[in-house]
Protein backbone atom coordinates (compact mmCIF):
# COMPACT_ATOMS: atom_id res chain seq x y z
CA MET A 1 29.70 23.13 2.03
CA ALA A 2 26.30 22.17 3.39
CA HIS A 3 26.17 19.07 5.59
CA ILE A 4 24.13 16.21 4.12
CA VAL A 5 21.78 14.61 6.62
CA HIS A 6 21.47 10.84 6.21
CA HIS A 7 18.63 8.66 7.49
CA ASP A 8 21.06 5.81 8.38
CA ARG A 9 18.36 3.21 7.72
CA TYR A 10 20.11 1.48 4.79
CA ASP A 11 23.25 1.79 2.66
CA PHE A 12 23.39 2.63 -1.04
CA SER A 13 23.16 -0.49 -3.23
CA PRO A 14 22.66 -0.43 -7.03
CA ILE A 15 20.01 -2.92 -8.10
CA THR A 16 22.51 -4.26 -10.68
CA GLU A 17 24.95 -5.42 -7.97
CA ARG A 18 22.75 -7.63 -5.79
CA PRO A 19 22.41 -11.41 -5.46
CA ASP A 20 20.01 -13.05 -7.89
CA PHE A 21 17.01 -15.05 -6.66
CA ASP A 22 13.57 -16.23 -7.75
CA TRP A 23 10.12 -15.64 -6.37
CA PRO A 24 8.02 -18.77 -5.65
CA GLY A 25 7.63 -21.17 -8.57
CA GLY A 26 10.57 -19.62 -10.41
CA ALA A 27 8.72 -16.35 -11.03
CA ARG A 28 10.75 -13.19 -11.55
CA LEU A 29 8.13 -10.45 -11.18
CA ALA A 30 6.12 -10.14 -7.96
CA LEU A 31 2.95 -8.15 -8.69
CA TYR A 32 0.55 -6.95 -6.02
CA ILE A 33 -2.49 -4.69 -5.83
CA GLY A 34 -2.98 -2.56 -2.72
CA VAL A 35 -6.51 -1.29 -2.03
CA ASN A 36 -6.42 1.63 0.40
CA VAL A 37 -9.58 1.87 2.51
CA GLU A 38 -9.51 5.03 4.58
CA TRP A 39 -11.66 6.79 7.15
CA PHE A 40 -11.77 10.52 7.86
CA SER A 41 -12.97 12.58 10.77
CA PHE A 42 -15.79 14.97 9.82
CA ASP A 43 -14.09 17.84 11.66
CA ALA A 44 -10.66 17.43 10.01
CA GLU A 45 -9.26 19.11 6.91
CA ALA A 46 -6.67 16.47 5.94
CA GLY A 47 -7.12 14.23 2.91
CA ALA A 48 -7.38 14.41 -0.87
CA VAL A 49 -9.76 17.03 -2.21
CA LEU A 50 -11.88 16.90 -5.35
CA ALA A 51 -12.08 20.68 -5.44
CA GLN A 52 -10.75 23.48 -3.26
CA GLY A 53 -10.69 22.46 0.37
CA LYS A 54 -12.91 24.33 2.79
CA PRO A 55 -12.87 24.85 6.55
CA ALA A 56 -14.22 21.83 8.40
CA PRO A 57 -16.75 20.48 8.07
CA ASP A 58 -15.85 20.18 4.40
CA VAL A 59 -19.03 18.39 3.37
CA MET A 60 -18.24 18.08 -0.34
CA ASN A 61 -14.77 16.55 -0.01
CA TYR A 62 -15.66 14.45 3.04
CA SER A 63 -18.69 12.90 1.35
CA TRP A 64 -16.77 12.38 -1.92
CA ARG A 65 -14.18 10.30 -0.05
CA ASP A 66 -16.92 8.44 1.83
CA TYR A 67 -18.37 7.35 -1.54
CA GLY A 68 -15.41 4.98 -1.82
CA ASN A 69 -16.46 3.09 1.30
CA ARG A 70 -20.17 3.08 0.57
CA VAL A 71 -20.08 2.33 -3.17
CA GLY A 72 -16.66 2.19 -4.83
CA ILE A 73 -15.10 -0.62 -2.78
CA TRP A 74 -18.06 -2.93 -3.46
CA ARG A 75 -17.73 -2.38 -7.20
CA MET A 76 -14.04 -3.23 -6.87
CA PHE A 77 -14.75 -6.35 -4.80
CA ASP A 78 -17.06 -7.66 -7.54
CA LEU A 79 -14.35 -7.18 -10.17
CA LEU A 80 -11.65 -8.78 -8.02
CA ASP A 81 -13.91 -11.75 -7.37
CA ARG A 82 -14.56 -12.21 -11.09
CA LEU A 83 -10.83 -12.07 -11.81
CA GLU A 84 -10.01 -14.28 -8.81
CA MET A 85 -7.28 -11.76 -8.02
CA PRO A 86 -5.73 -11.48 -4.54
CA VAL A 87 -5.15 -8.02 -3.08
CA ALA A 88 -3.90 -6.42 0.10
CA GLY A 89 -6.40 -4.31 2.00
CA LEU A 90 -4.56 -1.32 3.48
CA LEU A 91 -6.97 -0.37 6.24
CA ASN A 92 -7.26 2.41 8.77
CA ASP A 93 -8.26 0.60 11.94
CA ALA A 94 -11.24 2.99 12.22
CA VAL A 95 -12.76 1.05 9.32
CA ALA A 96 -13.16 -1.95 11.63
CA ASP A 97 -15.43 0.13 13.86
CA GLU A 98 -17.20 2.31 11.29
CA ALA A 99 -17.59 -0.07 8.33
CA PRO A 100 -17.02 -3.64 9.58
CA GLN A 101 -18.61 -5.14 6.44
CA ILE A 102 -15.55 -4.02 4.46
CA VAL A 103 -13.17 -5.83 6.79
CA GLU A 104 -15.39 -8.90 6.69
CA ARG A 105 -15.34 -8.97 2.87
CA PHE A 106 -11.54 -8.74 2.72
CA THR A 107 -11.28 -11.50 5.33
CA ALA A 108 -13.75 -13.76 3.55
CA ARG A 109 -11.75 -13.36 0.33
CA GLY A 110 -8.57 -14.41 2.13
CA ASP A 111 -6.82 -11.12 1.38
CA GLU A 112 -3.96 -9.79 3.43
CA ILE A 113 -4.78 -6.94 5.79
CA VAL A 114 -2.10 -4.25 6.15
CA ALA A 115 -2.35 -1.73 8.99
CA HIS A 116 -2.76 1.86 7.79
CA GLY A 117 -2.87 3.77 11.07
CA HIS A 118 -6.03 4.88 12.82
CA ALA A 119 -7.54 7.32 10.32
CA ASN A 120 -6.35 9.29 7.31
CA SER A 121 -7.28 12.57 8.91
CA GLN A 122 -4.44 12.10 11.41
CA PRO A 123 -0.77 12.46 10.26
CA PRO A 124 1.03 10.26 12.81
CA GLY A 125 4.47 11.67 11.95
CA ALA A 126 3.47 14.91 13.69
CA LEU A 127 2.67 13.16 16.98
CA SER A 128 4.87 12.75 20.04
CA ALA A 129 6.75 9.46 20.38
CA ASP A 130 4.23 8.09 22.87
CA GLU A 131 1.27 9.17 20.75
CA GLU A 132 2.74 7.66 17.58
CA ARG A 133 3.56 4.41 19.40
CA SER A 134 -0.05 4.25 20.57
CA VAL A 135 -1.31 4.66 16.98
CA LEU A 136 0.98 1.92 15.63
CA GLU A 137 0.21 -0.53 18.41
CA GLY A 138 -3.49 0.31 18.45
CA SER A 139 -3.86 -0.23 14.72
CA ARG A 140 -2.28 -3.67 14.96
CA THR A 141 -4.35 -4.67 17.98
CA ARG A 142 -7.68 -3.48 16.54
CA LEU A 143 -7.21 -5.16 13.17
CA GLN A 144 -6.10 -8.38 14.84
CA ALA A 145 -9.31 -8.37 16.86
CA ALA A 146 -11.35 -7.79 13.70
CA THR A 147 -9.66 -10.40 11.52
CA GLY A 148 -8.10 -12.93 13.87
CA ARG A 149 -4.58 -12.16 12.63
CA ALA A 150 -2.18 -9.38 13.54
CA PRO A 151 -1.09 -7.38 10.48
CA ALA A 152 2.53 -8.01 9.51
CA GLY A 153 2.86 -4.78 7.51
CA TYR A 154 2.20 -1.09 7.93
CA LEU A 155 1.59 1.91 5.66
CA ALA A 156 1.50 5.29 7.36
CA PRO A 157 -1.57 7.46 6.75
CA LEU A 158 -0.60 10.25 4.34
CA ILE A 159 2.85 8.54 4.22
CA SER A 160 3.48 10.53 7.40
CA GLU A 161 6.54 9.17 9.19
CA SER A 162 8.61 10.71 11.94
CA ARG A 163 12.33 10.01 12.23
CA ARG A 164 11.51 7.30 14.78
CA THR A 165 8.69 5.49 12.89
CA PRO A 166 10.73 2.45 11.71
CA ASP A 167 12.04 1.97 15.26
CA LEU A 168 8.52 2.11 16.68
CA LEU A 169 7.20 -0.28 14.03
CA ALA A 170 9.87 -2.88 14.72
CA GLY A 171 9.29 -2.48 18.45
CA ALA A 172 5.54 -3.00 17.97
CA GLY A 173 6.09 -6.32 16.18
CA TYR A 174 5.60 -5.35 12.53
CA ASP A 175 7.68 -7.32 10.01
CA TYR A 176 7.64 -4.80 7.17
CA LEU A 177 6.67 -1.28 6.15
CA LEU A 178 5.47 0.20 2.85
CA ASP A 179 6.22 3.90 3.20
CA TRP A 180 9.50 4.11 1.28
CA ALA A 181 9.32 4.26 -2.55
CA HIS A 182 13.06 3.96 -3.17
CA ASP A 183 13.49 0.54 -4.79
CA GLU A 184 12.03 -2.31 -6.85
CA GLN A 185 13.24 -5.00 -4.44
CA PRO A 186 12.71 -5.34 -0.69
CA VAL A 187 15.37 -3.59 1.41
CA TRP A 188 16.37 -4.35 4.98
CA MET A 189 16.29 -1.26 7.20
CA ARG A 190 18.14 -0.73 10.46
CA THR A 191 16.16 0.22 13.56
CA ASP A 192 16.82 0.50 17.28
CA ALA A 193 14.62 -2.59 17.76
CA GLY A 194 16.29 -4.75 15.10
CA PRO A 195 15.87 -4.97 11.32
CA ILE A 196 12.59 -4.31 9.53
CA LEU A 197 11.95 -4.96 5.85
CA SER A 198 10.89 -2.24 3.45
CA VAL A 199 8.66 -3.70 0.73
CA PRO A 200 8.30 -1.52 -2.41
CA TYR A 201 5.12 0.56 -2.46
CA PRO A 202 4.15 2.62 -5.52
CA GLN A 203 3.91 6.38 -5.51
CA GLU A 204 3.93 6.55 -9.32
CA LEU A 205 1.47 3.70 -9.97
CA ASN A 206 -0.81 5.23 -7.37
CA ASP A 207 -4.11 6.84 -8.29
CA VAL A 208 -3.88 9.69 -5.75
CA PRO A 209 -0.63 11.27 -7.01
CA GLN A 210 -1.57 10.71 -10.64
CA ILE A 211 -5.25 11.67 -10.68
CA MET A 212 -5.27 14.23 -7.86
CA GLY A 213 -1.68 15.47 -8.07
CA ARG A 214 -0.96 15.43 -11.80
CA ALA A 215 -4.56 15.80 -13.02
CA LEU A 216 -4.42 12.67 -15.18
CA GLU A 217 -7.51 10.61 -15.75
CA ALA A 218 -8.22 6.92 -15.51
CA GLU A 219 -7.31 5.98 -19.09
CA ALA A 220 -3.84 7.50 -18.79
CA PHE A 221 -3.33 6.05 -15.30
CA CYS A 222 -4.28 2.55 -16.42
CA ASP A 223 -2.07 2.85 -19.50
CA MET A 224 0.81 3.66 -17.11
CA ILE A 225 0.11 0.46 -15.17
CA LEU A 226 0.24 -1.66 -18.32
CA SER A 227 3.35 0.09 -19.66
CA ALA A 228 5.18 -0.55 -16.40
CA PHE A 229 4.06 -4.17 -16.41
CA GLU A 230 5.44 -4.79 -19.91
CA LEU A 231 8.80 -3.22 -19.04
CA HIS A 232 9.07 -5.24 -15.84
CA ARG A 233 8.29 -8.43 -17.76
CA ARG A 234 11.17 -7.69 -20.13
CA GLU A 235 13.63 -6.74 -17.40
CA CYS A 236 12.82 -9.44 -14.86
CA ALA A 237 14.88 -12.03 -16.75
CA ARG A 238 17.92 -10.07 -15.53
CA ARG A 239 16.77 -9.49 -11.96
CA PRO A 240 13.73 -10.20 -9.75
CA VAL A 241 11.55 -7.17 -9.06
CA VAL A 242 8.39 -6.06 -7.29
CA MET A 243 5.61 -4.08 -8.97
CA GLY A 244 2.85 -2.65 -6.82
CA VAL A 245 -0.31 -0.80 -7.82
CA ALA A 246 -2.10 1.40 -5.27
CA LEU A 247 -5.83 2.05 -5.63
CA HIS A 248 -8.33 4.11 -3.64
CA PRO A 249 -12.04 3.24 -3.98
CA TYR A 250 -13.15 6.89 -3.90
CA LEU A 251 -11.12 7.38 -7.10
CA MET A 252 -11.03 4.14 -9.11
CA GLY A 253 -14.39 2.96 -7.80
CA GLN A 254 -16.12 5.87 -9.55
CA ALA A 255 -18.35 4.73 -12.43
CA HIS A 256 -16.62 6.83 -15.10
CA ARG A 257 -13.18 5.41 -14.22
CA PHE A 258 -14.12 1.83 -13.51
CA GLY A 259 -14.08 0.51 -17.06
CA HIS A 260 -10.44 1.51 -17.40
CA LEU A 261 -9.57 -0.23 -14.13
CA GLU A 262 -11.39 -3.35 -15.32
CA ARG A 263 -9.37 -3.27 -18.55
CA ALA A 264 -6.06 -2.87 -16.72
CA LEU A 265 -6.60 -5.56 -14.09
CA THR A 266 -8.00 -8.02 -16.64
CA THR A 267 -4.96 -7.49 -18.84
CA LEU A 268 -2.59 -8.00 -15.91
CA ARG A 269 -4.30 -11.27 -15.04
CA ASP A 270 -4.40 -12.52 -18.64
CA ARG A 271 -0.75 -11.68 -19.36
CA ALA A 272 0.62 -13.01 -16.08
CA GLY A 273 2.57 -16.01 -17.29
CA SER A 274 4.92 -18.23 -15.34
CA GLU A 275 7.33 -15.34 -14.78
CA VAL A 276 4.70 -13.35 -12.83
CA TRP A 277 3.65 -14.04 -9.24
CA LEU A 278 0.28 -12.43 -8.38
CA THR A 279 0.68 -11.94 -4.67
CA THR A 280 0.53 -9.61 -1.65
CA PRO A 281 3.21 -7.53 0.10
CA GLY A 282 3.12 -9.81 3.11
CA ALA A 283 3.90 -12.86 0.98
CA ILE A 284 6.71 -10.91 -0.68
CA SER A 285 8.13 -10.07 2.73
CA ALA A 286 7.87 -13.66 3.99
CA HIS A 287 9.59 -15.10 0.90
CA TYR A 288 12.35 -12.50 0.76
CA ARG A 289 13.31 -12.78 4.42
CA ASP A 290 13.75 -16.54 3.97
CA ILE A 291 16.22 -16.19 1.10
CA VAL A 292 17.89 -12.84 1.89
CA PRO A 293 18.19 -12.61 5.69
CA ALA A 294 19.00 -9.30 7.36
CA GLY A 295 22.71 -8.62 7.40
């Protein structure tokens, strides 16, 4: 019989067998929007591709992704301002150097900044321990310098973790990570440097896997968001849950998709009654760790 390798970060726990609790104000559904702002090296081949990837420099795919930073994110900012909706900016720290206006706009809005590695052309899970530690620490330091506050959370570029990533994150001072898509509630994870909280991050309600991976388009993707929201609203009377939505400006900031995004986010805001907490992953982490301390 083949040996099963276990990560040893957390134990199995059915969501139906956990202590009950409320989010702030008695809410039962914590809803957050994550806006991924990413930078790519011109000589790298990593990253989503609109059409068949080419040897670097891949001008078509590189410039298509850069559209999100030059155009798409600003269209999204205008919508979020109109809706008065908080978001988390998941930022490569290279954005602070290459496009500081984006960081300034997030900061002026009062949004949470989540560290997202150095650049999305670099999979940190493939690095040596010292190199990965440098990426994690450098991302936190650079974004703190740009915003005045050290990021509490981290999302790995390309969701690229090594076996040691949670240990390195806890050792670097991060409170939570977003890489694991295994639950609808936060989960404490064991590390060599003490516990770190895993906050749910969406890989289904995420425009890259759906639009690029499954070849869906914006109408279907936004319908998925609203379907999930309605189910969570029905189920949250039984248990508190987290619903995240992940957006990339080079996808959902495109003109032909934007009307569907506007419809979805407007509906979420309008239907968010007292049972829904419109929030950020950092606020979710801070609230959860106060009421469900690490065991």
